[in-house]
C-alpha atoms as a PDB file:
ATOM      1  CA  MET A   1      -0.059  -0.054  -0.108  1.00  0.00           C
ATOM      2  CA  MET A   2       2.622   2.122   0.678  1.00  0.00           C
ATOM      3  CA  LEU A   3       4.552   1.710  -2.588  1.00  0.00           C
ATOM      4  CA  GLY A   4       1.425   2.557  -4.284  1.00  0.00           C
ATOM      5  CA  ARG A   5       1.260   6.035  -2.535  1.00  0.00           C
ATOM      6  CA  ASP A   6       5.215   6.471  -3.424  1.00  0.00           C
ATOM      7  CA  ALA A   7       4.488   5.825  -6.995  1.00  0.00           C
ATOM      8  CA  LEU A   8       1.635   8.093  -7.189  1.00  0.00           C
ATOM      9  CA  HIS A   9       3.638  10.636  -5.490  1.00  0.00           C
ATOM     10  CA  SER A  10       6.106  10.163  -7.753  1.00  0.00           C
ATOM     11  CA  ARG A  11       4.208  10.439 -11.055  1.00  0.00           C
ATOM     12  CA  SER A  12       2.457  13.696  -9.542  1.00  0.00           C
ATOM     13  CA  TYR A  13       6.079  15.266  -8.925  1.00  0.00           C
ATOM     14  CA  ALA A  14       7.305  14.267 -12.603  1.00  0.00           C
ATOM     15  CA  ARG A  15       4.294  15.684 -13.750  1.00  0.00           C
ATOM     16  CA  LYS A  16       4.733  19.061 -11.575  1.00  0.00           C
ATOM     17  CA  TYR A  17       8.578  19.213 -12.945  1.00  0.00           C
ATOM     18  CA  LYS A  18       7.900  19.002 -16.185  1.00  0.00           C
ATOM     19  CA  LYS A  19       4.960  21.796 -15.973  1.00  0.00           C
ATOM     20  CA  ARG A  20       7.416  23.918 -14.652  1.00  0.00           C
ATOM     21  CA  SER A  21      10.305  23.172 -16.994  1.00  0.00           C
ATOM     22  CA  LYS A  22       8.188  23.778 -19.785  1.00  0.00           C
ATOM     23  CA  ILE A  23       6.986  27.412 -17.997  1.00  0.00           C
ATOM     24  CA  PHE A  24      10.775  27.764 -17.321  1.00  0.00           C
ATOM     25  CA  LEU A  25      11.265  27.246 -21.233  1.00  0.00           C
ATOM     26  CA  TRP A  26       8.786  29.728 -22.370  1.00  0.00           C
ATOM     27  CA  LEU A  27      10.003  32.240 -20.421  1.00  0.00           C
ATOM     28  CA  ALA A  28      13.353  31.598 -21.357  1.00  0.00           C
ATOM     29  CA  GLY A  29      12.478  32.007 -24.499  1.00  0.00           C
ATOM     30  CA  ILE A  30      10.294  35.258 -24.347  1.00  0.00           C
ATOM     31  CA  LEU A  31      13.342  37.072 -22.340  1.00  0.00           C
ATOM     32  CA  PHE A  32      15.520  35.684 -25.543  1.00  0.00           C
ATOM     33  CA  LEU A  33      13.289  37.072 -27.913  1.00  0.00           C
ATOM     34  CA  LEU A  34      12.992  40.345 -26.100  1.00  0.00           C
ATOM     35  CA  GLY A  35      16.321  40.779 -25.836  1.00  0.00           C
ATOM     36  CA  ILE A  36      17.339  40.315 -29.631  1.00  0.00           C
ATOM     37  CA  LEU A  37      14.509  42.911 -30.092  1.00  0.00           C
ATOM     38  CA  PHE A  38      15.757  45.334 -27.415  1.00  0.00           C
ATOM     39  CA  SER A  39      19.087  44.960 -28.982  1.00  0.00           C
ATOM     40  CA  TRP A  40      17.658  45.567 -32.648  1.00  0.00           C
ATOM     41  CA  TRP A  41      15.583  48.764 -31.236  1.00  0.00           C
ATOM     42  CA  VAL A  42      18.791  50.415 -29.718  1.00  0.00           C
ATOM     43  CA  THR A  43      20.885  49.634 -33.078  1.00  0.00           C
ATOM     44  CA  ASP A  44      21.851  52.400 -35.245  1.00  0.00           C
ATOM     45  CA  LYS A  45      19.539  50.777 -37.656  1.00  0.00           C
ATOM     46  CA  SER A  46      16.395  50.955 -35.566  1.00  0.00           C
ATOM     47  CA  PRO A  47      13.606  53.489 -36.554  1.00  0.00           C
ATOM     48  CA  LEU A  48      13.663  54.904 -32.987  1.00  0.00           C
ATOM     49  CA  VAL A  49      17.406  56.680 -33.835  1.00  0.00           C
ATOM     50  CA  ILE A  50      17.127  60.154 -33.181  1.00  0.00           C
ATOM     51  CA  LYS A  51      17.228  61.693 -36.530  1.00  0.00           C
ATOM     52  CA  HIS A  52      16.203  65.509 -35.901  1.00  0.00           C
ATOM     53  CA  VAL A  53      17.202  67.778 -33.077  1.00  0.00           C
ATOM     54  CA  GLU A  54      15.300  70.623 -32.558  1.00  0.00           C
ATOM     55  CA  VAL A  55      16.646  73.875 -30.629  1.00  0.00           C
ATOM     56  CA  VAL A  56      13.913  76.276 -28.928  1.00  0.00           C
ATOM     57  CA  GLY A  57      14.642  79.085 -27.508  1.00  0.00           C
ATOM     58  CA  ALA A  58      18.239  80.385 -28.258  1.00  0.00           C
ATOM     59  CA  ARG A  59      18.392  84.035 -29.599  1.00  0.00           C
ATOM     60  CA  ALA A  60      22.000  85.120 -29.254  1.00  0.00           C
ATOM     61  CA  LEU A  61      23.481  81.409 -29.306  1.00  0.00           C
ATOM     62  CA  SER A  62      24.186  79.602 -32.918  1.00  0.00           C
ATOM     63  CA  VAL A  63      21.109  77.364 -32.745  1.00  0.00           C
ATOM     64  CA  SER A  64      23.607  74.886 -34.928  1.00  0.00           C
ATOM     65  CA  SER A  65      26.505  74.860 -32.339  1.00  0.00           C
ATOM     66  CA  ILE A  66      23.901  73.606 -29.755  1.00  0.00           C
ATOM     67  CA  GLN A  67      23.019  70.812 -32.431  1.00  0.00           C
ATOM     68  CA  ASP A  68      26.493  69.521 -32.648  1.00  0.00           C
ATOM     69  CA  VAL A  69      26.818  69.383 -29.466  1.00  0.00           C
ATOM     70  CA  ALA A  70      23.449  67.109 -29.047  1.00  0.00           C
ATOM     71  CA  GLN A  71      24.938  65.036 -32.112  1.00  0.00           C
ATOM     72  CA  ASN A  72      28.172  64.474 -31.043  1.00  0.00           C
ATOM     73  CA  GLU A  73      27.050  63.080 -28.056  1.00  0.00           C
ATOM     74  CA  LEU A  74      24.495  60.562 -29.771  1.00  0.00           C
ATOM     75  CA  GLN A  75      27.027  59.039 -31.718  1.00  0.00           C
ATOM     76  CA  HIS A  76      28.502  57.212 -28.544  1.00  0.00           C
ATOM     77  CA  ARG A  77      27.721  53.811 -27.514  1.00  0.00           C
ATOM     78  CA  TYR A  78      27.295  51.937 -24.323  1.00  0.00           C
ATOM     79  CA  LEU A  79      28.976  48.687 -24.921  1.00  0.00           C
ATOM     80  CA  MET A  80      27.406  46.954 -27.939  1.00  0.00           C
ATOM     81  CA  TRP A  81      24.138  49.520 -27.948  1.00  0.00           C
ATOM     82  CA  HIS A  82      23.884  52.753 -29.953  1.00  0.00           C
ATOM     83  CA  VAL A  83      23.097  55.657 -27.699  1.00  0.00           C
ATOM     84  CA  GLY A  84      21.334  57.794 -30.354  1.00  0.00           C
ATOM     85  CA  ASN A  85      17.722  56.489 -29.831  1.00  0.00           C
ATOM     86  CA  ALA A  86      14.928  57.538 -28.355  1.00  0.00           C
ATOM     87  CA  ILE A  87      15.355  54.790 -25.530  1.00  0.00           C
ATOM     88  CA  LEU A  88      18.886  55.531 -24.544  1.00  0.00           C
ATOM     89  CA  ALA A  89      19.233  58.861 -25.420  1.00  0.00           C
ATOM     90  CA  PRO A  90      21.776  60.803 -22.955  1.00  0.00           C
ATOM     91  CA  ARG A  91      19.516  63.513 -22.427  1.00  0.00           C
ATOM     92  CA  LYS A  92      21.244  64.482 -18.541  1.00  0.00           C
ATOM     93  CA  ARG A  93      24.856  64.141 -20.627  1.00  0.00           C
ATOM     94  CA  ILE A  94      23.676  66.509 -23.193  1.00  0.00           C
ATOM     95  CA  GLU A  95      22.673  69.269 -20.760  1.00  0.00           C
ATOM     96  CA  GLU A  96      25.555  68.960 -18.908  1.00  0.00           C
ATOM     97  CA  GLN A  97      27.662  69.700 -21.950  1.00  0.00           C
ATOM     98  CA  LEU A  98      25.797  72.479 -23.291  1.00  0.00           C
ATOM     99  CA  LYS A  99      26.103  74.237 -19.920  1.00  0.00           C
ATOM    100  CA  GLU A 100      29.617  73.533 -19.847  1.00  0.00           C
ATOM    101  CA  LYS A 101      30.299  74.450 -23.224  1.00  0.00           C
ATOM    102  CA  PHE A 102      27.837  77.878 -23.145  1.00  0.00           C
ATOM    103  CA  SER A 103      27.886  80.038 -20.208  1.00  0.00           C
ATOM    104  CA  LEU A 104      25.519  82.159 -21.995  1.00  0.00           C
ATOM    105  CA  ILE A 105      22.820  79.239 -20.871  1.00  0.00           C
ATOM    106  CA  LYS A 106      21.056  79.507 -17.732  1.00  0.00           C
ATOM    107  CA  THR A 107      18.633  76.853 -17.933  1.00  0.00           C
ATOM    108  CA  VAL A 108      18.304  73.511 -20.567  1.00  0.00           C
ATOM    109  CA  ASP A 109      15.935  70.794 -20.846  1.00  0.00           C
ATOM    110  CA  VAL A 110      16.559  68.227 -23.222  1.00  0.00           C
ATOM    111  CA  GLU A 111      13.326  65.715 -23.821  1.00  0.00           C
ATOM    112  CA  VAL A 112      12.837  62.924 -26.503  1.00  0.00           C
ATOM    113  CA  LYS A 113       9.757  63.800 -28.643  1.00  0.00           C
ATOM    114  CA  GLY A 114       7.868  61.292 -30.281  1.00  0.00           C
ATOM    115  CA  ILE A 115       9.965  58.159 -31.626  1.00  0.00           C
ATOM    116  CA  SER A 116      12.737  60.027 -33.593  1.00  0.00           C
ATOM    117  CA  ASN A 117      13.008  63.634 -32.520  1.00  0.00           C
ATOM    118  CA  LEU A 118      15.131  65.320 -29.593  1.00  0.00           C
ATOM    119  CA  GLU A 119      14.285  68.719 -28.488  1.00  0.00           C
ATOM    120  CA  ILE A 120      16.426  70.797 -26.396  1.00  0.00           C
ATOM    121  CA  SER A 121      14.999  74.102 -24.716  1.00  0.00           C
ATOM    122  CA  ILE A 122      17.265  76.602 -23.246  1.00  0.00           C
ATOM    123  CA  GLU A 123      16.747  79.644 -21.282  1.00  0.00           C
ATOM    124  CA  GLU A 124      19.739  82.427 -22.052  1.00  0.00           C
ATOM    125  CA  TYR A 125      21.213  84.604 -19.518  1.00  0.00           C
ATOM    126  CA  GLU A 126      19.757  88.200 -20.030  1.00  0.00           C
ATOM    127  CA  SER A 127      22.443  91.067 -20.384  1.00  0.00           C
ATOM    128  CA  THR A 128      21.545  93.487 -17.994  1.00  0.00           C
ATOM    129  CA  TYR A 129      24.497  95.056 -16.539  1.00  0.00           C
ATOM    130  CA  LEU A 130      28.189  95.734 -17.695  1.00  0.00           C
ATOM    131  CA  ILE A 131      31.078  94.452 -14.893  1.00  0.00           C
ATOM    132  CA  CYS A 132      34.486  96.057 -15.775  1.00  0.00           C
ATOM    133  CA  SER A 133      37.764  95.826 -13.975  1.00  0.00           C
ATOM    134  CA  GLN A 134      38.780  99.296 -12.496  1.00  0.00           C
ATOM    135  CA  THR A 135      42.644  98.250 -13.753  1.00  0.00           C
ATOM    136  CA  ASP A 136      41.420  97.579 -17.057  1.00  0.00           C
ATOM    137  CA  PRO A 137      38.551  99.149 -18.268  1.00  0.00           C
ATOM    138  CA  SER A 138      38.490  97.349 -21.572  1.00  0.00           C
ATOM    139  CA  ARG A 139      37.864  94.180 -19.602  1.00  0.00           C
ATOM    140  CA  CYS A 140      34.215  93.610 -19.359  1.00  0.00           C
ATOM    141  CA  TYR A 141      31.821  90.749 -18.673  1.00  0.00           C
ATOM    142  CA  LEU A 142      28.153  90.899 -19.111  1.00  0.00           C
ATOM    143  CA  ALA A 143      26.088  90.280 -15.980  1.00  0.00           C
ATOM    144  CA  ASP A 144      22.227  89.235 -15.587  1.00  0.00           C
ATOM    145  CA  GLY A 145      19.971  91.496 -13.156  1.00  0.00           C
ATOM    146  CA  THR A 146      21.411  89.704  -9.975  1.00  0.00           C
ATOM    147  CA  GLY A 147      24.687  90.704 -10.862  1.00  0.00           C
ATOM    148  CA  TYR A 148      25.598  87.081 -12.015  1.00  0.00           C
ATOM    149  CA  VAL A 149      28.468  87.068 -14.665  1.00  0.00           C
ATOM    150  CA  PHE A 150      27.987  84.536 -17.304  1.00  0.00           C
ATOM    151  CA  ALA A 151      30.083  85.777 -20.403  1.00  0.00           C
ATOM    152  CA  PRO A 152      33.024  88.615 -21.673  1.00  0.00           C
ATOM    153  CA  ALA A 153      31.349  91.596 -23.121  1.00  0.00           C
ATOM    154  CA  ILE A 154      32.427  92.903 -26.494  1.00  0.00           C
ATOM    155  CA  LEU A 155      32.403  96.598 -26.076  1.00  0.00           C
ATOM    156  CA  SER A 156      29.961  97.856 -28.572  1.00  0.00           C
ATOM    157  CA  GLU A 157      26.911 100.327 -28.792  1.00  0.00           C
ATOM    158  CA  GLU A 158      24.606  98.263 -27.384  1.00  0.00           C
ATOM    159  CA  THR A 159      26.642  96.973 -24.326  1.00  0.00           C
ATOM    160  CA  ARG A 160      28.131 100.750 -23.541  1.00  0.00           C
ATOM    161  CA  ALA A 161      24.242 101.578 -23.048  1.00  0.00           C
ATOM    162  CA  TYR A 162      24.166  99.261 -20.183  1.00  0.00           C
ATOM    163  CA  ILE A 163      24.873 100.314 -16.496  1.00  0.00           C
ATOM    164  CA  ARG A 164      28.295  99.951 -16.108  1.00  0.00           C
ATOM    165  CA  PHE A 165      30.005  98.460 -12.504  1.00  0.00           C
ATOM    166  CA  ASN A 166      33.310  99.123 -12.013  1.00  0.00           C
ATOM    167  CA  VAL A 167      34.730  96.410  -9.528  1.00  0.00           C
ATOM    168  CA  THR A 168      38.063  95.080  -9.004  1.00  0.00           C
ATOM    169  CA  PHE A 169      38.196  91.450  -9.326  1.00  0.00           C
ATOM    170  CA  GLY A 170      40.663  88.375 -10.303  1.00  0.00           C
ATOM    171  CA  ASP A 171      41.302  86.391 -13.615  1.00  0.00           C
ATOM    172  CA  GLU A 172      38.364  83.999 -12.995  1.00  0.00           C
ATOM    173  CA  VAL A 173      35.189  85.917 -13.375  1.00  0.00           C
ATOM    174  CA  VAL A 174      32.798  84.019 -15.364  1.00  0.00           C
ATOM    175  CA  GLY A 175      30.235  81.638 -13.547  1.00  0.00           C
ATOM    176  CA  SER A 176      30.715  83.976 -10.516  1.00  0.00           C
ATOM    177  CA  ARG A 177      29.659  87.039  -8.629  1.00  0.00           C
ATOM    178  CA  VAL A 178      32.060  89.924  -8.002  1.00  0.00           C
ATOM    179  CA  ILE A 179      30.019  91.716  -6.058  1.00  0.00           C
ATOM    180  CA  SER A 180      28.285  89.982  -3.413  1.00  0.00           C
ATOM    181  CA  ARG A 181      24.427  89.276  -3.804  1.00  0.00           C
ATOM    182  CA  ASN A 182      23.872  91.103  -0.893  1.00  0.00           C
ATOM    183  CA  ASN A 183      25.473  94.212  -1.553  1.00  0.00           C
ATOM    184  CA  PHE A 184      24.276  93.917  -5.461  1.00  0.00           C
ATOM    185  CA  GLU A 185      20.727  94.307  -4.138  1.00  0.00           C
ATOM    186  CA  LYS A 186      21.220  97.464  -1.794  1.00  0.00           C
ATOM    187  CA  ILE A 187      22.834  98.769  -4.740  1.00  0.00           C
ATOM    188  CA  ILE A 188      19.863  98.367  -7.258  1.00  0.00           C
ATOM    189  CA  LEU A 189      17.698  99.112  -4.389  1.00  0.00           C
ATOM    190  CA  PHE A 190      19.207 102.185  -4.177  1.00  0.00           C
ATOM    191  CA  LYS A 191      19.517 102.764  -7.855  1.00  0.00           C
ATOM    192  CA  GLU A 192      15.494 102.234  -8.441  1.00  0.00           C
ATOM    193  CA  ALA A 193      15.178 104.815  -5.537  1.00  0.00           C
ATOM    194  CA  LEU A 194      16.628 107.248  -7.467  1.00  0.00           C
ATOM    195  CA  ALA A 195      14.815 106.634 -10.641  1.00  0.00           C
ATOM    196  CA  ASP A 196      11.600 106.995  -9.021  1.00  0.00           C
ATOM    197  CA  SER A 197      12.824 110.524  -8.062  1.00  0.00           C
ATOM    198  CA  GLY A 198      13.660 110.969 -11.842  1.00  0.00           C
ATOM    199  CA  LEU A 199      17.176 110.287 -11.502  1.00  0.00           C
ATOM    200  CA  SER A 200      19.385 107.804 -14.073  1.00  0.00           C
ATOM    201  CA  VAL A 201      22.384 105.745 -12.711  1.00  0.00           C
ATOM    202  CA  GLN A 202      25.117 105.712 -15.685  1.00  0.00           C
ATOM    203  CA  GLU A 203      27.844 103.899 -13.705  1.00  0.00           C
ATOM    204  CA  ILE A 204      28.391 102.710 -10.557  1.00  0.00           C
ATOM    205  CA  THR A 205      31.906 102.283  -8.918  1.00  0.00           C
ATOM    206  CA  VAL A 206      32.580  99.663  -6.143  1.00  0.00           C
ATOM    207  CA  VAL A 207      35.577 101.140  -4.195  1.00  0.00           C
ATOM    208  CA  SER A 208      35.115  98.618  -1.227  1.00  0.00           C
ATOM    209  CA  ASP A 209      33.115  96.321   0.253  1.00  0.00           C
ATOM    210  CA  GLN A 210      31.368  99.117   1.889  1.00  0.00           C
ATOM    211  CA  GLU A 211      32.119 102.315   0.093  1.00  0.00           C
ATOM    212  CA  VAL A 212      30.070 102.681  -3.469  1.00  0.00           C
ATOM    213  CA  LYS A 213      29.946 105.348  -5.932  1.00  0.00           C
ATOM    214  CA  LEU A 214      26.631 105.983  -8.293  1.00  0.00           C
ATOM    215  CA  ARG A 215      27.156 108.666 -10.837  1.00  0.00           C
ATOM    216  CA  ILE A 216      23.937 109.897 -12.360  1.00  0.00           C
ATOM    217  CA  ILE A 217      23.435 111.538 -15.728  1.00  0.00           C
ATOM    218  CA  GLU A 218      23.999 114.922 -14.549  1.00  0.00           C
ATOM    219  CA  GLY A 219      27.365 113.916 -13.730  1.00  0.00           C
ATOM    220  CA  ALA A 220      27.212 114.250  -9.497  1.00  0.00           C
ATOM    221  CA  ASN A 221      28.558 111.161  -7.921  1.00  0.00           C
ATOM    222  CA  ILE A 222      26.341 109.525  -4.889  1.00  0.00           C
ATOM    223  CA  VAL A 223      28.663 108.073  -2.294  1.00  0.00           C
ATOM    224  CA  ILE A 224      26.763 105.523   0.131  1.00  0.00           C
ATOM    225  CA  ASP A 225      27.831 102.873   2.691  1.00  0.00           C
ATOM    226  CA  MET A 226      26.653  99.397   2.240  1.00  0.00           C
ATOM    227  CA  GLN A 227      26.834  99.230   5.946  1.00  0.00           C
ATOM    228  CA  SER A 228      24.120 102.202   6.489  1.00  0.00           C
ATOM    229  CA  ASN A 229      20.455 102.376   6.144  1.00  0.00           C
ATOM    230  CA  ILE A 230      19.315 102.474   2.302  1.00  0.00           C
ATOM    231  CA  ASP A 231      16.177 104.494   3.088  1.00  0.00           C
ATOM    232  CA  GLU A 232      17.794 107.119   5.439  1.00  0.00           C
ATOM    233  CA  MET A 233      20.709 107.895   2.935  1.00  0.00           C
ATOM    234  CA  LEU A 234      18.161 108.161   0.330  1.00  0.00           C
ATOM    235  CA  GLY A 235      16.119 110.431   2.685  1.00  0.00           C
ATOM    236  CA  ASN A 236      19.144 112.511   3.515  1.00  0.00           C
ATOM    237  CA  PHE A 237      20.068 113.064  -0.206  1.00  0.00           C
ATOM    238  CA  LEU A 238      16.594 114.097  -1.733  1.00  0.00           C
ATOM    239  CA  LEU A 239      16.572 116.614   1.473  1.00  0.00           C
ATOM    240  CA  LEU A 240      19.557 117.979   0.650  1.00  0.00           C
ATOM    241  CA  LEU A 241      18.652 117.769  -3.248  1.00  0.00           C
ATOM    242  CA  ALA A 242      15.511 119.785  -2.165  1.00  0.00           C
ATOM    243  CA  GLU A 243      17.066 122.718  -0.107  1.00  0.00           C
ATOM    244  CA  GLU A 244      19.814 123.172  -3.383  1.00  0.00           C
ATOM    245  CA  THR A 245      17.126 123.075  -5.545  1.00  0.00           C
ATOM    246  CA  GLU A 246      15.351 126.263  -4.315  1.00  0.00           C
ATOM    247  CA  LYS A 247      18.730 128.081  -4.104  1.00  0.00           C
ATOM    248  CA  ASN A 248      20.051 127.018  -7.514  1.00  0.00           C
ATOM    249  CA  SER A 249      16.189 127.276  -9.170  1.00  0.00           C
ATOM    250  CA  SER A 250      16.888 123.746 -10.691  1.00  0.00           C
ATOM    251  CA  ARG A 251      18.697 120.567  -9.253  1.00  0.00           C
ATOM    252  CA  GLU A 252      19.957 119.629 -12.807  1.00  0.00           C
ATOM    253  CA  VAL A 253      22.207 122.795 -12.514  1.00  0.00           C
ATOM    254  CA  PHE A 254      22.974 121.933  -8.892  1.00  0.00           C
ATOM    255  CA  LEU A 255      23.684 118.252  -9.709  1.00  0.00           C
ATOM    256  CA  GLU A 256      25.765 119.359 -13.066  1.00  0.00           C
ATOM    257  CA  ASN A 257      28.053 121.708 -10.722  1.00  0.00           C
ATOM    258  CA  THR A 258      28.268 119.242  -8.045  1.00  0.00           C
ATOM    259  CA  GLU A 259      31.362 116.650  -8.063  1.00  0.00           C
ATOM    260  CA  TYR A 260      29.861 114.228  -5.268  1.00  0.00           C
ATOM    261  CA  ILE A 261      27.341 114.034  -2.691  1.00  0.00           C
ATOM    262  CA  ASP A 262      28.605 112.053   0.338  1.00  0.00           C
ATOM    263  CA  VAL A 263      25.339 110.488   2.209  1.00  0.00           C
ATOM    264  CA  ARG A 264      27.202 108.067   4.418  1.00  0.00           C
ATOM    265  CA  HIS A 265      27.572 109.883   7.603  1.00  0.00           C
ATOM    266  CA  GLY A 266      23.972 109.788   9.052  1.00  0.00           C
ATOM    267  CA  ASN A 267      22.218 113.153   9.080  1.00  0.00           C
ATOM    268  CA  LYS A 268      25.304 114.886   7.808  1.00  0.00           C
ATOM    269  CA  VAL A 269      25.534 115.500   4.389  1.00  0.00           C
ATOM    270  CA  PHE A 270      28.623 116.400   2.564  1.00  0.00           C
ATOM    271  CA  TYR A 271      28.876 117.655  -0.766  1.00  0.00           C
ATOM    272  CA  LYS A 272      31.532 119.096  -3.200  1.00  0.00           C
ATOM    273  CA  ALA A 273      31.166 121.514  -6.174  1.00  0.00           C
ATOM    274  CA  ARG A 274      33.070 121.214  -8.634  1.00  0.00           C
ATOM    275  CA  GLY A 275      36.268 123.003  -8.378  1.00  0.00           C
ATOM    276  CA  GLU A 276      35.485 123.958  -4.741  1.00  0.00           C
ATOM    277  CA  ASN A 277      36.393 122.247  -1.388  1.00  0.00           C
ATOM    278  CA  ALA A 278      34.178 119.959   0.365  1.00  0.00           C
ATOM    279  CA  LEU A 279      30.981 121.396   2.269  1.00  0.00           C
END
């Protein structure tokens, strides 16, 4: 009786083993076919090969130069597989290479569109200010609205129209801030407050981390202190301007004939007329 049960158990086990073997073979076959299919899809003969690279958002940058960088990365291989396709396209690598090669790029995003198109969307830094060396006035760089320096500047009629910052800095400038962000924001705040009062700043000289001179179009320099309260300095300046306007009947006349106005000393404001001693 026991032998009969053992025989039945043995036949049952054999059937289960045979069934599992078939399932395993089926799975192995499917995986093998999928492997072959995947290998074909990522070859340079696949319909998924990237055929077009579209660049969106480029203004100052050359579209063809951006496309060349992307195409170069798409020619690489990963082991036996061609990466220039919709599956393995090295999007992050392309983004990194573009930001490394083009300092004008602020942000970049690479996406696969459809089965054979690559779209590169970029945002360029916007030139707002000119940052120039005090020791070499011809050595200038472009900066955005936050003071971030992103590219060398070619001095032209267009770039000379930007507000110019005269600063002392070292050799490595691009990709950095030669003026601390906190000080830069204070300077711009004072500049904009002057603009609200109808005065346009033409040039800004950063003498030190503490002393800054803003030259307005009329020619006068306004000397401010980075450690002092911006509103108080502005208030004292406008008070002096109002008093002197009454004396001169025109604030333009006063400003044109004034070399500098120093508002760094609390409620005391010192100014110097051109060719005279400080008052």
